[in-house]
Amino acid sequence: MTQAGSKTLTRDDIKDAVHAKLGLSKAESGQLVEWVFSEISNTLIAGEEVKISRFGTFSVHEKKERKGRNPKTGEEVPIAARRVVTFRASPNLKKEVERGGRG
């Protein structure tokens, strides 16, 4: 996969890894990865949490409308209410990242 600071992991990288590890065809690997992302997206759109054991939790939070400030002019501007996705890493993932992936 990737090394710290070397590059960004892409969808295609994940598809290639699934292909290499599971021996599925490239088309099947692509379909599998797209299905997983679709399930995660649809669950978040529905306002539900996605918990992936030993990885972390994705959740949707409602942010209320608030006042912001244009940094150039100092003028107050309204910031609309919106839904945002957050990720909370599991303790296992935090430990792995801290160790640099060394088991």
C-alpha atoms as a PDB file:
ATOM      1  CA  MET A   1       0.000   0.000   0.000  1.00  0.00           C
ATOM      2  CA  THR A   2       1.251   3.505   0.745  1.00  0.00           C
ATOM      3  CA  GLN A   3       4.105   4.733   2.894  1.00  0.00           C
ATOM      4  CA  ALA A   4       3.819   7.873   5.003  1.00  0.00           C
ATOM      5  CA  GLY A   5       4.115  10.918   2.768  1.00  0.00           C
ATOM      6  CA  SER A   6       4.563   8.919  -0.433  1.00  0.00           C
ATOM      7  CA  LYS A   7       1.154   9.164  -2.115  1.00  0.00           C
ATOM      8  CA  THR A   8      -2.600   9.071  -1.751  1.00  0.00           C
ATOM      9  CA  LEU A   9      -4.428   5.741  -1.688  1.00  0.00           C
ATOM     10  CA  THR A  10      -7.055   5.792  -4.452  1.00  0.00           C
ATOM     11  CA  ARG A  11     -10.096   3.689  -5.324  1.00  0.00           C
ATOM     12  CA  ASP A  12      -8.078   2.081  -8.102  1.00  0.00           C
ATOM     13  CA  ASP A  13      -5.322   1.184  -5.616  1.00  0.00           C
ATOM     14  CA  ILE A  14      -7.915  -0.544  -3.437  1.00  0.00           C
ATOM     15  CA  LYS A  15      -9.359  -2.402  -6.449  1.00  0.00           C
ATOM     16  CA  ASP A  16      -5.853  -3.541  -7.445  1.00  0.00           C
ATOM     17  CA  ALA A  17      -5.140  -4.722  -3.878  1.00  0.00           C
ATOM     18  CA  VAL A  18      -8.390  -6.733  -3.789  1.00  0.00           C
ATOM     19  CA  HIS A  19      -7.503  -8.231  -7.169  1.00  0.00           C
ATOM     20  CA  ALA A  20      -3.996  -9.187  -5.972  1.00  0.00           C
ATOM     21  CA  LYS A  21      -5.024 -10.531  -2.549  1.00  0.00           C
ATOM     22  CA  LEU A  22      -8.235 -12.376  -3.427  1.00  0.00           C
ATOM     23  CA  GLY A  23      -7.504 -13.444  -6.975  1.00  0.00           C
ATOM     24  CA  LEU A  24     -10.784 -12.053  -8.277  1.00  0.00           C
ATOM     25  CA  SER A  25     -10.829 -10.681 -11.798  1.00  0.00           C
ATOM     26  CA  LYS A  26     -10.195  -6.953 -12.099  1.00  0.00           C
ATOM     27  CA  ALA A  27     -13.858  -6.440 -13.007  1.00  0.00           C
ATOM     28  CA  GLU A  28     -15.069  -8.432  -9.989  1.00  0.00           C
ATOM     29  CA  SER A  29     -12.631  -6.615  -7.701  1.00  0.00           C
ATOM     30  CA  GLY A  30     -13.891  -3.285  -9.003  1.00  0.00           C
ATOM     31  CA  GLN A  31     -17.520  -4.283  -8.483  1.00  0.00           C
ATOM     32  CA  LEU A  32     -16.802  -5.456  -4.935  1.00  0.00           C
ATOM     33  CA  VAL A  33     -15.027  -2.236  -3.958  1.00  0.00           C
ATOM     34  CA  GLU A  34     -17.737  -0.069  -5.536  1.00  0.00           C
ATOM     35  CA  TRP A  35     -20.444  -2.076  -3.721  1.00  0.00           C
ATOM     36  CA  VAL A  36     -18.699  -1.585  -0.353  1.00  0.00           C
ATOM     37  CA  PHE A  37     -18.365   2.181  -0.909  1.00  0.00           C
ATOM     38  CA  SER A  38     -21.978   2.359  -2.063  1.00  0.00           C
ATOM     39  CA  GLU A  39     -23.188   0.578   1.095  1.00  0.00           C
ATOM     40  CA  ILE A  40     -21.177   2.944   3.286  1.00  0.00           C
ATOM     41  CA  SER A  41     -22.430   6.021   1.406  1.00  0.00           C
ATOM     42  CA  ASN A  42     -26.078   4.942   1.425  1.00  0.00           C
ATOM     43  CA  THR A  43     -25.947   4.194   5.155  1.00  0.00           C
ATOM     44  CA  LEU A  44     -24.493   7.644   5.897  1.00  0.00           C
ATOM     45  CA  ILE A  45     -27.027   9.349   3.610  1.00  0.00           C
ATOM     46  CA  ALA A  46     -29.753   7.631   5.649  1.00  0.00           C
ATOM     47  CA  GLY A  47     -28.240   9.252   8.765  1.00  0.00           C
ATOM     48  CA  GLU A  48     -26.932   6.026  10.276  1.00  0.00           C
ATOM     49  CA  GLU A  49     -23.468   5.261  11.647  1.00  0.00           C
ATOM     50  CA  VAL A  50     -21.014   2.940   9.919  1.00  0.00           C
ATOM     51  CA  LYS A  51     -18.855   1.002  12.393  1.00  0.00           C
ATOM     52  CA  ILE A  52     -15.981  -1.026  10.986  1.00  0.00           C
ATOM     53  CA  SER A  53     -14.452  -3.255  13.635  1.00  0.00           C
ATOM     54  CA  ARG A  54     -10.806  -2.457  14.482  1.00  0.00           C
ATOM     55  CA  PHE A  55     -10.912   0.473  12.016  1.00  0.00           C
ATOM     56  CA  GLY A  56     -13.331   3.191  13.139  1.00  0.00           C
ATOM     57  CA  THR A  57     -16.748   4.793  12.977  1.00  0.00           C
ATOM     58  CA  PHE A  58     -18.178   7.130  10.343  1.00  0.00           C
ATOM     59  CA  SER A  59     -21.142   9.212  11.461  1.00  0.00           C
ATOM     60  CA  VAL A  60     -23.269  12.117  10.231  1.00  0.00           C
ATOM     61  CA  HIS A  61     -23.681  15.249  12.334  1.00  0.00           C
ATOM     62  CA  GLU A  62     -26.148  18.079  11.800  1.00  0.00           C
ATOM     63  CA  LYS A  63     -24.535  21.503  12.021  1.00  0.00           C
ATOM     64  CA  LYS A  64     -26.810  24.438  12.767  1.00  0.00           C
ATOM     65  CA  GLU A  65     -26.779  27.679  10.832  1.00  0.00           C
ATOM     66  CA  ARG A  66     -24.272  30.111  12.290  1.00  0.00           C
ATOM     67  CA  LYS A  67     -22.586  33.403  11.627  1.00  0.00           C
ATOM     68  CA  GLY A  68     -19.154  33.426  10.093  1.00  0.00           C
ATOM     69  CA  ARG A  69     -16.786  36.168   9.085  1.00  0.00           C
ATOM     70  CA  ASN A  70     -15.151  36.873   5.732  1.00  0.00           C
ATOM     71  CA  PRO A  71     -11.426  36.862   6.623  1.00  0.00           C
ATOM     72  CA  LYS A  72     -10.569  39.470   3.979  1.00  0.00           C
ATOM     73  CA  THR A  73     -13.271  42.026   4.735  1.00  0.00           C
ATOM     74  CA  GLY A  74     -14.290  41.134   8.286  1.00  0.00           C
ATOM     75  CA  GLU A  75     -17.910  41.187   7.101  1.00  0.00           C
ATOM     76  CA  GLU A  76     -20.322  38.821   8.875  1.00  0.00           C
ATOM     77  CA  VAL A  77     -21.817  36.180   6.594  1.00  0.00           C
ATOM     78  CA  PRO A  78     -24.353  33.452   7.385  1.00  0.00           C
ATOM     79  CA  ILE A  79     -23.120  29.854   7.162  1.00  0.00           C
ATOM     80  CA  ALA A  80     -26.022  27.567   6.223  1.00  0.00           C
ATOM     81  CA  ALA A  81     -27.039  24.536   8.250  1.00  0.00           C
ATOM     82  CA  ARG A  82     -25.543  21.373   6.825  1.00  0.00           C
ATOM     83  CA  ARG A  83     -24.810  17.719   7.402  1.00  0.00           C
ATOM     84  CA  VAL A  84     -21.175  16.659   7.786  1.00  0.00           C
ATOM     85  CA  VAL A  85     -19.481  13.268   7.938  1.00  0.00           C
ATOM     86  CA  THR A  86     -16.987  12.620  10.720  1.00  0.00           C
ATOM     87  CA  PHE A  87     -14.625   9.716  11.320  1.00  0.00           C
ATOM     88  CA  ARG A  88     -13.477   8.474  14.717  1.00  0.00           C
ATOM     89  CA  ALA A  89     -10.586   6.021  14.544  1.00  0.00           C
ATOM     90  CA  SER A  90     -10.735   2.895  16.690  1.00  0.00           C
ATOM     91  CA  PRO A  91      -8.167   2.388  19.443  1.00  0.00           C
ATOM     92  CA  ASN A  92      -6.664  -0.446  17.353  1.00  0.00           C
ATOM     93  CA  LEU A  93      -6.175   1.813  14.328  1.00  0.00           C
ATOM     94  CA  LYS A  94      -4.696   4.560  16.509  1.00  0.00           C
ATOM     95  CA  LYS A  95      -2.161   2.086  17.956  1.00  0.00           C
ATOM     96  CA  GLU A  96      -1.236   0.787  14.488  1.00  0.00           C
ATOM     97  CA  VAL A  97      -0.711   4.302  13.145  1.00  0.00           C
ATOM     98  CA  GLU A  98       1.358   5.241  16.199  1.00  0.00           C
ATOM     99  CA  ARG A  99       3.588   2.185  15.689  1.00  0.00           C
ATOM    100  CA  GLY A 100       3.860   2.875  11.984  1.00  0.00           C
ATOM    101  CA  GLY A 101       2.117  -0.394  11.088  1.00  0.00           C
ATOM    102  CA  ARG A 102       4.821  -2.523  12.666  1.00  0.00           C
ATOM    103  CA  GLY A 103       2.991  -5.452  14.277  1.00  0.00           C
END
